[in-house]
Amino acid sequence: MGKTGKKILLLGGGGHCRSVYDSVLAMKEYDEIGIVLENGASVSSPEVVGTDADLPALREKGWGFAVVTVGSVGDVTIRRRLFHTAKQLGFLLPVIVDPTAVIASDARLGEGCYIAKRAVVNAGAGIGSCVIINTGAVIEHGCMVGDYAHISSGAVLSGEVSIGEGAHIGAGSVVRQQIRVGDGTLIGIGSAVVKDIPDFVTAYGNPCRVMEK
């Protein structure tokens, strides 16, 4: 493959970053991949090109693309901040789709979202900005996933499910068709969600129930 002139920064250097890095490599669309760490972090790696404080200078040096690679479990504050910072600095936030994922022709993918290995996004689904659809997750027809949400590995959203902004669906969970999971809500691993779950709660189990405070 010839040179494209495209350089992309991965904003966050943890485990999720390694998964995204591998997918970006497999896409073969970028000549250079750099990792940007949180301010104060220190990791010795040739791919690390700076910290959050260096983003303006890196933009000036020709790094034109960025994607947020910080994972989230119930708190999307850092992901939201990095996403908006990158936009304000003029970075383009591309959709990162691993080549092994299956995406329907009419699915809508928001900027900066990540679709991991062997994930499926089916017909008519809508994925918001800066969303994580993790390894092997299934987003069935007509589902809507809000900005900054995280659908964990092996989770299944049946048809026409609605997932709120910043919600987290735990690994291996199943959400019944036409259910709504509220904004900022955390669904524990292996849960069976068979009724609507409100905003900003933690719920888990089979059947899934809201945890009492």
Protein backbone atom coordinates (compact mmCIF):
# COMPACT_ATOMS: atom_id res chain seq x y z
CA MET A 1 0.00 0.00 0.00
CA GLY A 2 1.32 3.47 -0.89
CA LYS A 3 1.77 6.39 1.44
CA THR A 4 -1.42 8.20 2.38
CA GLY A 5 0.05 11.11 4.32
CA LYS A 6 -2.42 10.43 7.13
CA LYS A 7 -1.21 10.48 10.75
CA ILE A 8 -3.45 9.49 13.66
CA LEU A 9 -3.14 10.00 17.40
CA LEU A 10 -4.60 7.56 19.92
CA LEU A 11 -5.63 9.54 23.00
CA GLY A 12 -5.01 7.20 25.93
CA GLY A 13 -2.41 4.51 26.50
CA GLY A 14 -4.16 1.70 28.43
CA GLY A 15 -5.55 -1.68 27.46
CA HIS A 16 -8.32 -0.28 25.26
CA CYS A 17 -5.68 1.68 23.37
CA ARG A 18 -3.87 -1.57 22.49
CA SER A 19 -7.06 -2.97 20.95
CA VAL A 20 -7.68 0.17 18.90
CA TYR A 21 -4.03 0.30 17.85
CA ASP A 22 -4.26 -3.21 16.45
CA SER A 23 -7.41 -2.33 14.52
CA VAL A 24 -5.86 0.83 13.10
CA LEU A 25 -2.84 -1.16 11.95
CA ALA A 26 -5.13 -3.69 10.26
CA MET A 27 -7.04 -0.92 8.45
CA LYS A 28 -3.82 0.16 6.65
CA GLU A 29 -5.09 3.71 6.18
CA TYR A 30 -2.54 5.64 8.25
CA ASP A 31 1.18 6.13 7.70
CA GLU A 32 1.89 6.97 11.33
CA ILE A 33 0.19 6.04 14.60
CA GLY A 34 1.10 7.94 17.76
CA ILE A 35 -0.07 7.49 21.34
CA VAL A 36 -0.82 10.46 23.59
CA LEU A 37 -0.85 9.85 27.34
CA GLU A 38 -2.74 11.64 30.08
CA ASN A 39 -0.76 14.48 31.66
CA GLY A 40 1.67 13.11 34.23
CA ALA A 41 1.63 9.56 32.86
CA SER A 42 4.91 7.94 31.87
CA VAL A 43 5.19 4.96 29.54
CA SER A 44 8.35 4.06 27.67
CA SER A 45 7.26 3.19 24.15
CA PRO A 46 8.39 4.39 20.72
CA GLU A 47 4.75 5.03 19.78
CA VAL A 48 4.25 7.59 22.59
CA VAL A 49 4.59 11.07 21.11
CA GLY A 50 3.46 13.21 24.04
CA THR A 51 0.76 13.97 26.60
CA ASP A 52 -2.55 15.84 26.51
CA ALA A 53 -0.66 19.11 26.94
CA ASP A 54 1.17 18.48 23.67
CA LEU A 55 -1.96 18.17 21.52
CA PRO A 56 -1.85 21.75 20.12
CA ALA A 57 1.80 21.33 19.11
CA LEU A 58 1.16 17.90 17.60
CA ARG A 59 -1.69 19.35 15.55
CA GLU A 60 0.69 22.00 14.25
CA LYS A 61 3.18 19.28 13.31
CA GLY A 62 0.71 17.66 10.95
CA TRP A 63 -1.08 15.07 13.03
CA GLY A 64 -4.50 15.48 11.44
CA PHE A 65 -6.54 12.62 12.92
CA ALA A 66 -7.30 11.54 16.48
CA VAL A 67 -9.41 8.94 18.25
CA VAL A 68 -10.15 8.62 21.97
CA THR A 69 -8.73 5.33 23.28
CA VAL A 70 -9.58 5.63 26.96
CA GLY A 71 -12.03 2.95 28.06
CA SER A 72 -14.91 3.67 30.44
CA VAL A 73 -16.96 1.86 33.03
CA GLY A 74 -19.74 4.13 34.24
CA ASP A 75 -17.83 7.44 33.93
CA VAL A 76 -17.30 8.99 30.51
CA THR A 77 -15.91 12.31 31.76
CA ILE A 78 -12.39 11.75 30.41
CA ARG A 79 -13.61 10.39 27.07
CA ARG A 80 -15.96 13.34 26.62
CA ARG A 81 -13.25 15.87 27.50
CA LEU A 82 -10.69 14.36 25.12
CA PHE A 83 -13.23 14.14 22.30
CA HIS A 84 -14.19 17.81 22.59
CA THR A 85 -10.59 18.94 23.04
CA ALA A 86 -9.56 17.16 19.86
CA LYS A 87 -12.45 18.69 17.92
CA GLN A 88 -11.66 22.18 19.17
CA LEU A 89 -8.06 21.80 18.04
CA GLY A 90 -9.16 20.86 14.55
CA PHE A 91 -8.43 17.13 14.57
CA LEU A 92 -10.62 14.91 12.42
CA LEU A 93 -12.16 12.08 14.47
CA PRO A 94 -12.58 9.11 12.12
CA VAL A 95 -14.64 5.99 12.65
CA ILE A 96 -12.34 3.07 13.45
CA VAL A 97 -13.77 -0.24 12.23
CA ASP A 98 -11.72 -3.40 12.61
CA PRO A 99 -11.63 -5.27 9.27
CA THR A 100 -13.23 -8.34 10.92
CA ALA A 101 -16.35 -6.40 12.00
CA VAL A 102 -19.59 -6.62 10.01
CA ILE A 103 -21.40 -3.34 9.35
CA ALA A 104 -24.73 -3.10 7.52
CA SER A 105 -24.77 -0.85 4.48
CA ASP A 106 -27.37 1.47 6.03
CA ALA A 107 -25.96 1.58 9.57
CA ARG A 108 -25.01 5.07 10.76
CA LEU A 109 -21.72 5.47 12.61
CA GLY A 110 -20.93 8.67 14.53
CA GLU A 111 -17.53 10.34 14.44
CA GLY A 112 -14.82 8.89 16.61
CA CYS A 113 -16.61 5.62 17.37
CA TYR A 114 -14.76 2.30 17.53
CA ILE A 115 -16.13 -1.02 16.22
CA ALA A 116 -13.92 -3.85 17.47
CA LYS A 117 -13.07 -7.33 16.20
CA ARG A 118 -16.00 -9.47 15.01
CA ALA A 119 -18.59 -6.99 16.22
CA VAL A 120 -21.83 -6.77 14.21
CA VAL A 121 -23.83 -3.59 13.57
CA ASN A 122 -26.96 -4.61 11.72
CA ALA A 123 -29.45 -2.92 9.39
CA GLY A 124 -30.73 0.51 10.34
CA ALA A 125 -28.72 0.77 13.55
CA GLY A 126 -27.42 4.16 14.67
CA ILE A 127 -24.18 4.49 16.64
CA GLY A 128 -23.40 7.83 18.27
CA SER A 129 -20.14 9.74 18.54
CA CYS A 130 -17.20 8.35 20.54
CA VAL A 131 -19.01 5.05 21.18
CA ILE A 132 -17.20 1.76 21.89
CA ILE A 133 -18.69 -1.38 20.35
CA ASN A 134 -16.33 -3.96 21.77
CA THR A 135 -15.16 -7.39 20.66
CA GLY A 136 -17.93 -9.67 19.41
CA ALA A 137 -20.78 -7.38 20.46
CA VAL A 138 -24.00 -7.57 18.41
CA ILE A 139 -26.06 -4.46 17.68
CA GLU A 140 -29.21 -5.70 15.98
CA HIS A 141 -31.49 -3.97 13.49
CA GLY A 142 -32.84 -0.55 14.39
CA CYS A 143 -30.90 -0.14 17.63
CA MET A 144 -29.82 3.36 18.69
CA VAL A 145 -26.68 3.76 20.82
CA GLY A 146 -26.11 7.21 22.34
CA ASP A 147 -22.89 9.22 22.35
CA TYR A 148 -20.05 7.94 24.59
CA ALA A 149 -21.83 4.66 25.36
CA HIS A 150 -19.79 1.47 25.75
CA ILE A 151 -21.18 -1.87 24.62
CA SER A 152 -18.80 -4.43 26.12
CA SER A 153 -17.45 -7.65 24.65
CA GLY A 154 -20.05 -10.24 23.73
CA ALA A 155 -23.04 -8.09 24.66
CA VAL A 156 -26.16 -8.41 22.49
CA LEU A 157 -28.67 -5.66 21.82
CA SER A 158 -31.77 -7.21 20.27
CA GLY A 159 -33.82 -5.30 17.70
CA GLU A 160 -34.78 -1.64 18.25
CA VAL A 161 -33.05 -1.27 21.61
CA SER A 162 -32.19 2.27 22.74
CA ILE A 163 -29.03 2.86 24.78
CA GLY A 164 -28.64 6.26 26.44
CA GLU A 165 -25.70 8.63 26.28
CA GLY A 166 -22.75 7.43 28.34
CA ALA A 167 -24.39 4.13 29.30
CA HIS A 168 -22.26 1.00 29.81
CA ILE A 169 -23.52 -2.46 28.92
CA GLY A 170 -21.45 -5.13 30.67
CA ALA A 171 -19.75 -8.02 28.92
CA GLY A 172 -22.04 -10.87 27.92
CA SER A 173 -25.25 -9.01 28.74
CA VAL A 174 -28.37 -9.35 26.60
CA VAL A 175 -30.94 -6.59 26.15
CA ARG A 176 -34.41 -7.65 24.97
CA GLN A 177 -35.90 -6.02 21.88
CA GLN A 178 -37.41 -2.52 22.18
CA ILE A 179 -35.95 -1.91 25.64
CA ARG A 180 -34.48 1.45 26.67
CA VAL A 181 -31.41 1.73 28.93
CA GLY A 182 -31.07 5.24 30.31
CA ASP A 183 -28.30 7.84 30.09
CA GLY A 184 -25.26 7.14 32.25
CA THR A 185 -26.58 3.77 33.42
CA LEU A 186 -24.29 0.82 34.16
CA ILE A 187 -25.52 -2.69 33.37
CA GLY A 188 -23.43 -5.36 35.12
CA ILE A 189 -21.82 -8.26 33.28
CA GLY A 190 -23.94 -11.19 32.20
CA SER A 191 -27.24 -9.43 32.81
CA ALA A 192 -30.55 -10.12 31.05
CA VAL A 193 -32.31 -6.79 30.55
CA VAL A 194 -36.02 -7.47 30.00
CA LYS A 195 -37.55 -4.12 31.00
CA ASP A 196 -36.61 -0.44 30.66
CA ILE A 197 -33.86 0.77 32.99
CA PRO A 198 -33.87 4.46 34.06
CA ASP A 199 -31.09 7.05 33.81
CA PHE A 200 -27.99 7.07 36.01
CA VAL A 201 -28.45 3.83 37.92
CA THR A 202 -26.53 0.58 38.31
CA ALA A 203 -28.45 -2.58 37.46
CA TYR A 204 -27.52 -6.22 37.07
CA GLY A 205 -28.78 -9.79 37.23
CA ASN A 206 -31.11 -12.17 35.42
CA PRO A 207 -33.58 -10.60 35.23
CA CYS A 208 -31.74 -7.28 35.49
CA ARG A 209 -32.77 -5.16 38.47
CA VAL A 210 -31.75 -1.71 39.67
CA MET A 211 -29.39 -1.86 42.63
CA GLU A 212 -30.90 -0.29 45.73
CA LYS A 213 -28.97 2.69 47.07
